[in-house]
mmCIF file of all heavy atoms, coordinates in Angstrom:
data_MODEL
# 
_entry.id   MODEL 
# 
loop_
_atom_site.group_PDB 
_atom_site.id 
_atom_site.type_symbol 
_atom_site.label_atom_id 
_atom_site.label_alt_id 
_atom_site.label_comp_id 
_atom_site.label_asym_id 
_atom_site.label_entity_id 
_atom_site.label_seq_id 
_atom_site.pdbx_PDB_ins_code 
_atom_site.Cartn_x 
_atom_site.Cartn_y 
_atom_site.Cartn_z 
_atom_site.occupancy 
_atom_site.B_iso_or_equiv 
_atom_site.pdbx_formal_charge 
_atom_site.auth_seq_id 
_atom_site.auth_comp_id 
_atom_site.auth_asym_id 
_atom_site.auth_atom_id 
_atom_site.pdbx_PDB_model_num 
ATOM 1   N N   . LEU A 1 1  ? 80.639 -109.083 -69.267 1.00 0.00 ? 1  LEU A N   1 
ATOM 2   C CA  . LEU A 1 1  ? 81.392 -108.024 -68.397 1.00 0.00 ? 1  LEU A CA  1 
ATOM 3   C C   . LEU A 1 1  ? 80.736 -107.937 -67.084 1.00 0.00 ? 1  LEU A C   1 
ATOM 4   O O   . LEU A 1 1  ? 81.453 -107.775 -66.015 1.00 0.00 ? 1  LEU A O   1 
ATOM 5   C CB  . LEU A 1 1  ? 81.294 -106.676 -69.307 1.00 0.00 ? 1  LEU A CB  1 
ATOM 6   C CG  . LEU A 1 1  ? 82.143 -105.502 -68.616 1.00 0.00 ? 1  LEU A CG  1 
ATOM 7   C CD1 . LEU A 1 1  ? 83.535 -105.879 -68.448 1.00 0.00 ? 1  LEU A CD1 1 
ATOM 8   C CD2 . LEU A 1 1  ? 81.990 -104.272 -69.430 1.00 0.00 ? 1  LEU A CD2 1 
ATOM 9   N N   . VAL A 1 2  ? 79.408 -107.782 -67.000 1.00 0.00 ? 2  VAL A N   1 
ATOM 10  C CA  . VAL A 1 2  ? 78.698 -107.728 -65.774 1.00 0.00 ? 2  VAL A CA  1 
ATOM 11  C C   . VAL A 1 2  ? 78.999 -108.901 -64.951 1.00 0.00 ? 2  VAL A C   1 
ATOM 12  O O   . VAL A 1 2  ? 79.284 -108.933 -63.740 1.00 0.00 ? 2  VAL A O   1 
ATOM 13  C CB  . VAL A 1 2  ? 77.169 -107.504 -65.880 1.00 0.00 ? 2  VAL A CB  1 
ATOM 14  C CG1 . VAL A 1 2  ? 76.421 -107.475 -64.567 1.00 0.00 ? 2  VAL A CG1 1 
ATOM 15  C CG2 . VAL A 1 2  ? 76.912 -106.228 -66.664 1.00 0.00 ? 2  VAL A CG2 1 
ATOM 16  N N   . GLY A 1 3  ? 78.981 -110.150 -65.548 1.00 0.00 ? 3  GLY A N   1 
ATOM 17  C CA  . GLY A 1 3  ? 79.269 -111.385 -64.843 1.00 0.00 ? 3  GLY A CA  1 
ATOM 18  C C   . GLY A 1 3  ? 80.716 -111.367 -64.245 1.00 0.00 ? 3  GLY A C   1 
ATOM 19  O O   . GLY A 1 3  ? 80.826 -111.803 -63.203 1.00 0.00 ? 3  GLY A O   1 
ATOM 20  N N   . SER A 1 4  ? 81.638 -110.877 -65.010 1.00 0.00 ? 4  SER A N   1 
ATOM 21  C CA  . SER A 1 4  ? 82.976 -110.847 -64.572 1.00 0.00 ? 4  SER A CA  1 
ATOM 22  C C   . SER A 1 4  ? 83.140 -109.788 -63.362 1.00 0.00 ? 4  SER A C   1 
ATOM 23  O O   . SER A 1 4  ? 83.994 -110.035 -62.426 1.00 0.00 ? 4  SER A O   1 
ATOM 24  C CB  . SER A 1 4  ? 83.966 -110.371 -65.710 1.00 0.00 ? 4  SER A CB  1 
ATOM 25  O OG  . SER A 1 4  ? 83.943 -111.363 -66.756 1.00 0.00 ? 4  SER A OG  1 
ATOM 26  N N   . VAL A 1 5  ? 82.438 -108.753 -63.414 1.00 0.00 ? 5  VAL A N   1 
ATOM 27  C CA  . VAL A 1 5  ? 82.576 -107.897 -62.185 1.00 0.00 ? 5  VAL A CA  1 
ATOM 28  C C   . VAL A 1 5  ? 81.983 -108.550 -61.056 1.00 0.00 ? 5  VAL A C   1 
ATOM 29  O O   . VAL A 1 5  ? 82.450 -108.417 -59.889 1.00 0.00 ? 5  VAL A O   1 
ATOM 30  C CB  . VAL A 1 5  ? 81.741 -106.495 -62.506 1.00 0.00 ? 5  VAL A CB  1 
ATOM 31  C CG1 . VAL A 1 5  ? 81.626 -105.630 -61.299 1.00 0.00 ? 5  VAL A CG1 1 
ATOM 32  C CG2 . VAL A 1 5  ? 82.322 -105.733 -63.637 1.00 0.00 ? 5  VAL A CG2 1 
ATOM 33  N N   . ALA A 1 6  ? 80.909 -109.189 -61.129 1.00 0.00 ? 6  ALA A N   1 
ATOM 34  C CA  . ALA A 1 6  ? 80.254 -109.998 -60.102 1.00 0.00 ? 6  ALA A CA  1 
ATOM 35  C C   . ALA A 1 6  ? 81.232 -111.101 -59.589 1.00 0.00 ? 6  ALA A C   1 
ATOM 36  O O   . ALA A 1 6  ? 81.369 -111.163 -58.238 1.00 0.00 ? 6  ALA A O   1 
ATOM 37  C CB  . ALA A 1 6  ? 78.957 -110.649 -60.528 1.00 0.00 ? 6  ALA A CB  1 
ATOM 38  N N   . PHE A 1 7  ? 81.951 -111.778 -60.418 1.00 0.00 ? 7  PHE A N   1 
ATOM 39  C CA  . PHE A 1 7  ? 82.893 -112.776 -59.924 1.00 0.00 ? 7  PHE A CA  1 
ATOM 40  C C   . PHE A 1 7  ? 84.100 -112.135 -59.222 1.00 0.00 ? 7  PHE A C   1 
ATOM 41  O O   . PHE A 1 7  ? 84.589 -112.649 -58.272 1.00 0.00 ? 7  PHE A O   1 
ATOM 42  C CB  . PHE A 1 7  ? 83.422 -113.493 -61.210 1.00 0.00 ? 7  PHE A CB  1 
ATOM 43  C CG  . PHE A 1 7  ? 82.718 -114.896 -61.456 1.00 0.00 ? 7  PHE A CG  1 
ATOM 44  C CD1 . PHE A 1 7  ? 81.453 -115.018 -61.139 1.00 0.00 ? 7  PHE A CD1 1 
ATOM 45  C CD2 . PHE A 1 7  ? 83.483 -115.939 -61.877 1.00 0.00 ? 7  PHE A CD2 1 
ATOM 46  C CE1 . PHE A 1 7  ? 80.775 -116.187 -61.415 1.00 0.00 ? 7  PHE A CE1 1 
ATOM 47  C CE2 . PHE A 1 7  ? 82.840 -117.078 -62.100 1.00 0.00 ? 7  PHE A CE2 1 
ATOM 48  C CZ  . PHE A 1 7  ? 81.449 -117.249 -61.820 1.00 0.00 ? 7  PHE A CZ  1 
ATOM 49  N N   . GLY A 1 8  ? 84.427 -110.905 -59.598 1.00 0.00 ? 8  GLY A N   1 
ATOM 50  C CA  . GLY A 1 8  ? 85.505 -110.160 -58.984 1.00 0.00 ? 8  GLY A CA  1 
ATOM 51  C C   . GLY A 1 8  ? 85.000 -109.756 -57.529 1.00 0.00 ? 8  GLY A C   1 
ATOM 52  O O   . GLY A 1 8  ? 85.778 -109.891 -56.570 1.00 0.00 ? 8  GLY A O   1 
ATOM 53  N N   . VAL A 1 9  ? 83.831 -109.348 -57.366 1.00 0.00 ? 9  VAL A N   1 
ATOM 54  C CA  . VAL A 1 9  ? 83.269 -109.006 -56.060 1.00 0.00 ? 9  VAL A CA  1 
ATOM 55  C C   . VAL A 1 9  ? 83.159 -110.271 -55.220 1.00 0.00 ? 9  VAL A C   1 
ATOM 56  O O   . VAL A 1 9  ? 83.462 -110.240 -53.986 1.00 0.00 ? 9  VAL A O   1 
ATOM 57  C CB  . VAL A 1 9  ? 81.930 -108.344 -56.210 1.00 0.00 ? 9  VAL A CB  1 
ATOM 58  C CG1 . VAL A 1 9  ? 81.309 -108.095 -54.708 1.00 0.00 ? 9  VAL A CG1 1 
ATOM 59  C CG2 . VAL A 1 9  ? 81.959 -106.935 -56.879 1.00 0.00 ? 9  VAL A CG2 1 
ATOM 60  N N   . SER A 1 10 ? 82.799 -111.399 -55.810 1.00 0.00 ? 10 SER A N   1 
ATOM 61  C CA  . SER A 1 10 ? 82.699 -112.657 -55.146 1.00 0.00 ? 10 SER A CA  1 
ATOM 62  C C   . SER A 1 10 ? 84.058 -112.971 -54.640 1.00 0.00 ? 10 SER A C   1 
ATOM 63  O O   . SER A 1 10 ? 84.258 -113.529 -53.511 1.00 0.00 ? 10 SER A O   1 
ATOM 64  C CB  . SER A 1 10 ? 82.222 -113.763 -56.173 1.00 0.00 ? 10 SER A CB  1 
ATOM 65  O OG  . SER A 1 10 ? 82.368 -115.003 -55.414 1.00 0.00 ? 10 SER A OG  1 
ATOM 66  N N   . ALA A 1 11 ? 85.115 -112.824 -55.363 1.00 0.00 ? 11 ALA A N   1 
ATOM 67  C CA  . ALA A 1 11 ? 86.460 -113.148 -54.904 1.00 0.00 ? 11 ALA A CA  1 
ATOM 68  C C   . ALA A 1 11 ? 86.870 -112.304 -53.721 1.00 0.00 ? 11 ALA A C   1 
ATOM 69  O O   . ALA A 1 11 ? 87.549 -112.898 -52.776 1.00 0.00 ? 11 ALA A O   1 
ATOM 70  C CB  . ALA A 1 11 ? 87.474 -112.957 -56.039 1.00 0.00 ? 11 ALA A CB  1 
ATOM 71  N N   . VAL A 1 12 ? 86.502 -111.056 -53.573 1.00 0.00 ? 12 VAL A N   1 
ATOM 72  C CA  . VAL A 1 12 ? 86.826 -110.265 -52.536 1.00 0.00 ? 12 VAL A CA  1 
ATOM 73  C C   . VAL A 1 12 ? 86.075 -110.837 -51.324 1.00 0.00 ? 12 VAL A C   1 
ATOM 74  O O   . VAL A 1 12 ? 86.631 -111.023 -50.175 1.00 0.00 ? 12 VAL A O   1 
ATOM 75  C CB  . VAL A 1 12 ? 86.339 -108.797 -52.711 1.00 0.00 ? 12 VAL A CB  1 
ATOM 76  C CG1 . VAL A 1 12 ? 86.507 -107.950 -51.470 1.00 0.00 ? 12 VAL A CG1 1 
ATOM 77  C CG2 . VAL A 1 12 ? 87.103 -108.194 -53.826 1.00 0.00 ? 12 VAL A CG2 1 
ATOM 78  N N   . GLY A 1 13 ? 84.775 -111.182 -51.365 1.00 0.00 ? 13 GLY A N   1 
ATOM 79  C CA  . GLY A 1 13 ? 83.974 -111.714 -50.376 1.00 0.00 ? 13 GLY A CA  1 
ATOM 80  C C   . GLY A 1 13 ? 84.611 -113.138 -49.840 1.00 0.00 ? 13 GLY A C   1 
ATOM 81  O O   . GLY A 1 13 ? 84.442 -113.542 -48.797 1.00 0.00 ? 13 GLY A O   1 
ATOM 82  N N   . ALA A 1 14 ? 85.203 -113.794 -50.778 1.00 0.00 ? 14 ALA A N   1 
ATOM 83  C CA  . ALA A 1 14 ? 85.691 -115.188 -50.513 1.00 0.00 ? 14 ALA A CA  1 
ATOM 84  C C   . ALA A 1 14 ? 87.059 -115.247 -49.892 1.00 0.00 ? 14 ALA A C   1 
ATOM 85  O O   . ALA A 1 14 ? 87.620 -116.284 -49.787 1.00 0.00 ? 14 ALA A O   1 
ATOM 86  C CB  . ALA A 1 14 ? 85.602 -116.058 -51.750 1.00 0.00 ? 14 ALA A CB  1 
ATOM 87  N N   . TYR A 1 15 ? 87.538 -114.076 -49.667 1.00 0.00 ? 15 TYR A N   1 
ATOM 88  C CA  . TYR A 1 15 ? 88.966 -113.999 -49.141 1.00 0.00 ? 15 TYR A CA  1 
ATOM 89  C C   . TYR A 1 15 ? 89.130 -114.807 -47.884 1.00 0.00 ? 15 TYR A C   1 
ATOM 90  O O   . TYR A 1 15 ? 88.272 -114.807 -46.961 1.00 0.00 ? 15 TYR A O   1 
ATOM 91  C CB  . TYR A 1 15 ? 89.401 -112.465 -48.774 1.00 0.00 ? 15 TYR A CB  1 
ATOM 92  C CG  . TYR A 1 15 ? 90.665 -112.383 -48.083 1.00 0.00 ? 15 TYR A CG  1 
ATOM 93  C CD1 . TYR A 1 15 ? 91.896 -112.493 -48.775 1.00 0.00 ? 15 TYR A CD1 1 
ATOM 94  C CD2 . TYR A 1 15 ? 90.801 -112.183 -46.685 1.00 0.00 ? 15 TYR A CD2 1 
ATOM 95  C CE1 . TYR A 1 15 ? 93.047 -112.401 -48.159 1.00 0.00 ? 15 TYR A CE1 1 
ATOM 96  C CE2 . TYR A 1 15 ? 91.968 -112.102 -46.082 1.00 0.00 ? 15 TYR A CE2 1 
ATOM 97  C CZ  . TYR A 1 15 ? 93.148 -112.226 -46.828 1.00 0.00 ? 15 TYR A CZ  1 
ATOM 98  O OH  . TYR A 1 15 ? 94.401 -112.122 -46.209 1.00 0.00 ? 15 TYR A OH  1 
ATOM 99  N N   . VAL A 1 16 ? 90.113 -115.675 -47.822 1.00 0.00 ? 16 VAL A N   1 
ATOM 100 C CA  . VAL A 1 16 ? 90.375 -116.586 -46.730 1.00 0.00 ? 16 VAL A CA  1 
ATOM 101 C C   . VAL A 1 16 ? 91.623 -116.012 -45.955 1.00 0.00 ? 16 VAL A C   1 
ATOM 102 O O   . VAL A 1 16 ? 92.688 -115.871 -46.460 1.00 0.00 ? 16 VAL A O   1 
ATOM 103 C CB  . VAL A 1 16 ? 90.691 -118.049 -47.276 1.00 0.00 ? 16 VAL A CB  1 
ATOM 104 C CG1 . VAL A 1 16 ? 90.944 -118.924 -46.026 1.00 0.00 ? 16 VAL A CG1 1 
ATOM 105 C CG2 . VAL A 1 16 ? 89.491 -118.670 -47.984 1.00 0.00 ? 16 VAL A CG2 1 
ATOM 106 N N   . ASN A 1 17 ? 91.417 -115.819 -44.605 1.00 0.00 ? 17 ASN A N   1 
ATOM 107 C CA  . ASN A 1 17 ? 92.476 -115.348 -43.803 1.00 0.00 ? 17 ASN A CA  1 
ATOM 108 C C   . ASN A 1 17 ? 93.458 -116.469 -43.607 1.00 0.00 ? 17 ASN A C   1 
ATOM 109 O O   . ASN A 1 17 ? 93.088 -117.552 -43.155 1.00 0.00 ? 17 ASN A O   1 
ATOM 110 C CB  . ASN A 1 17 ? 91.942 -114.932 -42.369 1.00 0.00 ? 17 ASN A CB  1 
ATOM 111 C CG  . ASN A 1 17 ? 92.827 -114.315 -41.462 1.00 0.00 ? 17 ASN A CG  1 
ATOM 112 O OD1 . ASN A 1 17 ? 93.970 -114.853 -41.191 1.00 0.00 ? 17 ASN A OD1 1 
ATOM 113 N ND2 . ASN A 1 17 ? 92.579 -113.124 -40.997 1.00 0.00 ? 17 ASN A ND2 1 
ATOM 114 N N   . PRO A 1 18 ? 94.762 -116.253 -43.999 1.00 0.00 ? 18 PRO A N   1 
ATOM 115 C CA  . PRO A 1 18 ? 95.784 -117.285 -43.996 1.00 0.00 ? 18 PRO A CA  1 
ATOM 116 C C   . PRO A 1 18 ? 96.062 -117.840 -42.588 1.00 0.00 ? 18 PRO A C   1 
ATOM 117 O O   . PRO A 1 18 ? 96.737 -118.835 -42.407 1.00 0.00 ? 18 PRO A O   1 
ATOM 118 C CB  . PRO A 1 18 ? 96.910 -116.756 -44.735 1.00 0.00 ? 18 PRO A CB  1 
ATOM 119 C CG  . PRO A 1 18 ? 96.831 -115.290 -44.508 1.00 0.00 ? 18 PRO A CG  1 
ATOM 120 C CD  . PRO A 1 18 ? 95.309 -115.073 -44.472 1.00 0.00 ? 18 PRO A CD  1 
ATOM 121 N N   . VAL A 1 19 ? 95.678 -117.120 -41.556 1.00 0.00 ? 19 VAL A N   1 
ATOM 122 C CA  . VAL A 1 19 ? 95.978 -117.492 -40.146 1.00 0.00 ? 19 VAL A CA  1 
ATOM 123 C C   . VAL A 1 19 ? 94.749 -118.167 -39.528 1.00 0.00 ? 19 VAL A C   1 
ATOM 124 O O   . VAL A 1 19 ? 94.887 -119.305 -38.994 1.00 0.00 ? 19 VAL A O   1 
ATOM 125 C CB  . VAL A 1 19 ? 96.327 -116.223 -39.365 1.00 0.00 ? 19 VAL A CB  1 
ATOM 126 C CG1 . VAL A 1 19 ? 96.603 -116.652 -37.825 1.00 0.00 ? 19 VAL A CG1 1 
ATOM 127 C CG2 . VAL A 1 19 ? 97.585 -115.580 -39.899 1.00 0.00 ? 19 VAL A CG2 1 
ATOM 128 N N   . SER A 1 20 ? 93.559 -117.548 -39.677 1.00 0.00 ? 20 SER A N   1 
ATOM 129 C CA  . SER A 1 20 ? 92.441 -118.191 -38.964 1.00 0.00 ? 20 SER A CA  1 
ATOM 130 C C   . SER A 1 20 ? 91.599 -119.033 -39.883 1.00 0.00 ? 20 SER A C   1 
ATOM 131 O O   . SER A 1 20 ? 90.832 -119.892 -39.349 1.00 0.00 ? 20 SER A O   1 
ATOM 132 C CB  . SER A 1 20 ? 91.450 -117.062 -38.382 1.00 0.00 ? 20 SER A CB  1 
ATOM 133 O OG  . SER A 1 20 ? 91.020 -116.225 -39.565 1.00 0.00 ? 20 SER A OG  1 
ATOM 134 N N   . GLY A 1 21 ? 91.754 -118.893 -41.154 1.00 0.00 ? 21 GLY A N   1 
ATOM 135 C CA  . GLY A 1 21 ? 90.985 -119.705 -42.169 1.00 0.00 ? 21 GLY A CA  1 
ATOM 136 C C   . GLY A 1 21 ? 89.565 -119.172 -42.278 1.00 0.00 ? 21 GLY A C   1 
ATOM 137 O O   . GLY A 1 21 ? 88.720 -119.717 -43.009 1.00 0.00 ? 21 GLY A O   1 
ATOM 138 N N   . GLN A 1 22 ? 89.286 -118.028 -41.597 1.00 0.00 ? 22 GLN A N   1 
ATOM 139 C CA  . GLN A 1 22 ? 87.908 -117.465 -41.807 1.00 0.00 ? 22 GLN A CA  1 
ATOM 140 C C   . GLN A 1 22 ? 87.723 -116.756 -43.129 1.00 0.00 ? 22 GLN A C   1 
ATOM 141 O O   . GLN A 1 22 ? 88.658 -116.069 -43.576 1.00 0.00 ? 22 GLN A O   1 
ATOM 142 C CB  . GLN A 1 22 ? 87.685 -116.439 -40.644 1.00 0.00 ? 22 GLN A CB  1 
ATOM 143 C CG  . GLN A 1 22 ? 86.321 -115.801 -40.687 1.00 0.00 ? 22 GLN A CG  1 
ATOM 144 C CD  . GLN A 1 22 ? 86.058 -114.822 -39.448 1.00 0.00 ? 22 GLN A CD  1 
ATOM 145 O OE1 . GLN A 1 22 ? 87.038 -114.669 -38.747 1.00 0.00 ? 22 GLN A OE1 1 
ATOM 146 N NE2 . GLN A 1 22 ? 84.879 -114.252 -39.336 1.00 0.00 ? 22 GLN A NE2 1 
ATOM 147 N N   . VAL A 1 23 ? 86.594 -117.024 -43.662 1.00 0.00 ? 23 VAL A N   1 
ATOM 148 C CA  . VAL A 1 23 ? 86.171 -116.466 -44.938 1.00 0.00 ? 23 VAL A CA  1 
ATOM 149 C C   . VAL A 1 23 ? 85.590 -115.010 -44.661 1.00 0.00 ? 23 VAL A C   1 
ATOM 150 O O   . VAL A 1 23 ? 84.861 -114.820 -43.815 1.00 0.00 ? 23 VAL A O   1 
ATOM 151 C CB  . VAL A 1 23 ? 85.150 -117.255 -45.712 1.00 0.00 ? 23 VAL A CB  1 
ATOM 152 C CG1 . VAL A 1 23 ? 84.743 -116.619 -47.083 1.00 0.00 ? 23 VAL A CG1 1 
ATOM 153 C CG2 . VAL A 1 23 ? 85.806 -118.683 -46.052 1.00 0.00 ? 23 VAL A CG2 1 
ATOM 154 N N   . HIS A 1 24 ? 86.026 -114.039 -45.398 1.00 0.00 ? 24 HIS A N   1 
ATOM 155 C CA  . HIS A 1 24 ? 85.687 -112.631 -45.138 1.00 0.00 ? 24 HIS A CA  1 
ATOM 156 C C   . HIS A 1 24 ? 84.133 -112.415 -45.195 1.00 0.00 ? 24 HIS A C   1 
ATOM 157 O O   . HIS A 1 24 ? 83.614 -111.936 -44.256 1.00 0.00 ? 24 HIS A O   1 
ATOM 158 C CB  . HIS A 1 24 ? 86.389 -111.758 -46.185 1.00 0.00 ? 24 HIS A CB  1 
ATOM 159 C CG  . HIS A 1 24 ? 85.923 -110.272 -46.183 1.00 0.00 ? 24 HIS A CG  1 
ATOM 160 N ND1 . HIS A 1 24 ? 86.122 -109.483 -45.094 1.00 0.00 ? 24 HIS A ND1 1 
ATOM 161 C CD2 . HIS A 1 24 ? 85.139 -109.534 -47.091 1.00 0.00 ? 24 HIS A CD2 1 
ATOM 162 C CE1 . HIS A 1 24 ? 85.716 -108.318 -45.323 1.00 0.00 ? 24 HIS A CE1 1 
ATOM 163 N NE2 . HIS A 1 24 ? 85.112 -108.216 -46.417 1.00 0.00 ? 24 HIS A NE2 1 
ATOM 164 N N   . ASN A 1 25 ? 83.491 -112.880 -46.266 1.00 0.00 ? 25 ASN A N   1 
ATOM 165 C CA  . ASN A 1 25 ? 82.088 -112.722 -46.297 1.00 0.00 ? 25 ASN A CA  1 
ATOM 166 C C   . ASN A 1 25 ? 81.510 -113.744 -47.262 1.00 0.00 ? 25 ASN A C   1 
ATOM 167 O O   . ASN A 1 25 ? 81.310 -113.518 -48.457 1.00 0.00 ? 25 ASN A O   1 
ATOM 168 C CB  . ASN A 1 25 ? 81.634 -111.313 -46.888 1.00 0.00 ? 25 ASN A CB  1 
ATOM 169 C CG  . ASN A 1 25 ? 80.084 -110.997 -46.688 1.00 0.00 ? 25 ASN A CG  1 
ATOM 170 O OD1 . ASN A 1 25 ? 79.336 -111.931 -46.773 1.00 0.00 ? 25 ASN A OD1 1 
ATOM 171 N ND2 . ASN A 1 25 ? 79.815 -109.748 -46.569 1.00 0.00 ? 25 ASN A ND2 1 
ATOM 172 N N   . ALA A 1 26 ? 81.203 -115.052 -46.662 1.00 0.00 ? 26 ALA A N   1 
ATOM 173 C CA  . ALA A 1 26 ? 80.791 -116.162 -47.578 1.00 0.00 ? 26 ALA A CA  1 
ATOM 174 C C   . ALA A 1 26 ? 79.520 -115.917 -48.163 1.00 0.00 ? 26 ALA A C   1 
ATOM 175 O O   . ALA A 1 26 ? 79.271 -116.391 -49.342 1.00 0.00 ? 26 ALA A O   1 
ATOM 176 C CB  . ALA A 1 26 ? 80.810 -117.378 -46.621 1.00 0.00 ? 26 ALA A CB  1 
ATOM 177 N N   . GLN A 1 27 ? 78.523 -115.277 -47.501 1.00 0.00 ? 27 GLN A N   1 
ATOM 178 C CA  . GLN A 1 27 ? 77.282 -115.087 -48.015 1.00 0.00 ? 27 GLN A CA  1 
ATOM 179 C C   . GLN A 1 27 ? 77.240 -114.131 -49.179 1.00 0.00 ? 27 GLN A C   1 
ATOM 180 O O   . GLN A 1 27 ? 76.686 -114.468 -50.377 1.00 0.00 ? 27 GLN A O   1 
ATOM 181 C CB  . GLN A 1 27 ? 76.361 -114.466 -47.088 1.00 0.00 ? 27 GLN A CB  1 
ATOM 182 C CG  . GLN A 1 27 ? 74.896 -114.279 -47.560 1.00 0.00 ? 27 GLN A CG  1 
ATOM 183 C CD  . GLN A 1 27 ? 73.970 -113.691 -46.603 1.00 0.00 ? 27 GLN A CD  1 
ATOM 184 O OE1 . GLN A 1 27 ? 74.400 -113.444 -45.378 1.00 0.00 ? 27 GLN A OE1 1 
ATOM 185 N NE2 . GLN A 1 27 ? 72.678 -113.511 -46.888 1.00 0.00 ? 27 GLN A NE2 1 
# 
């Protein structure tokens, strides 16, 4: 469960802007 929450937060940080291609927060 903790791991899944972390993966969810990771997905938010990995958001890719469909126009610029910039990743929201890669680190």
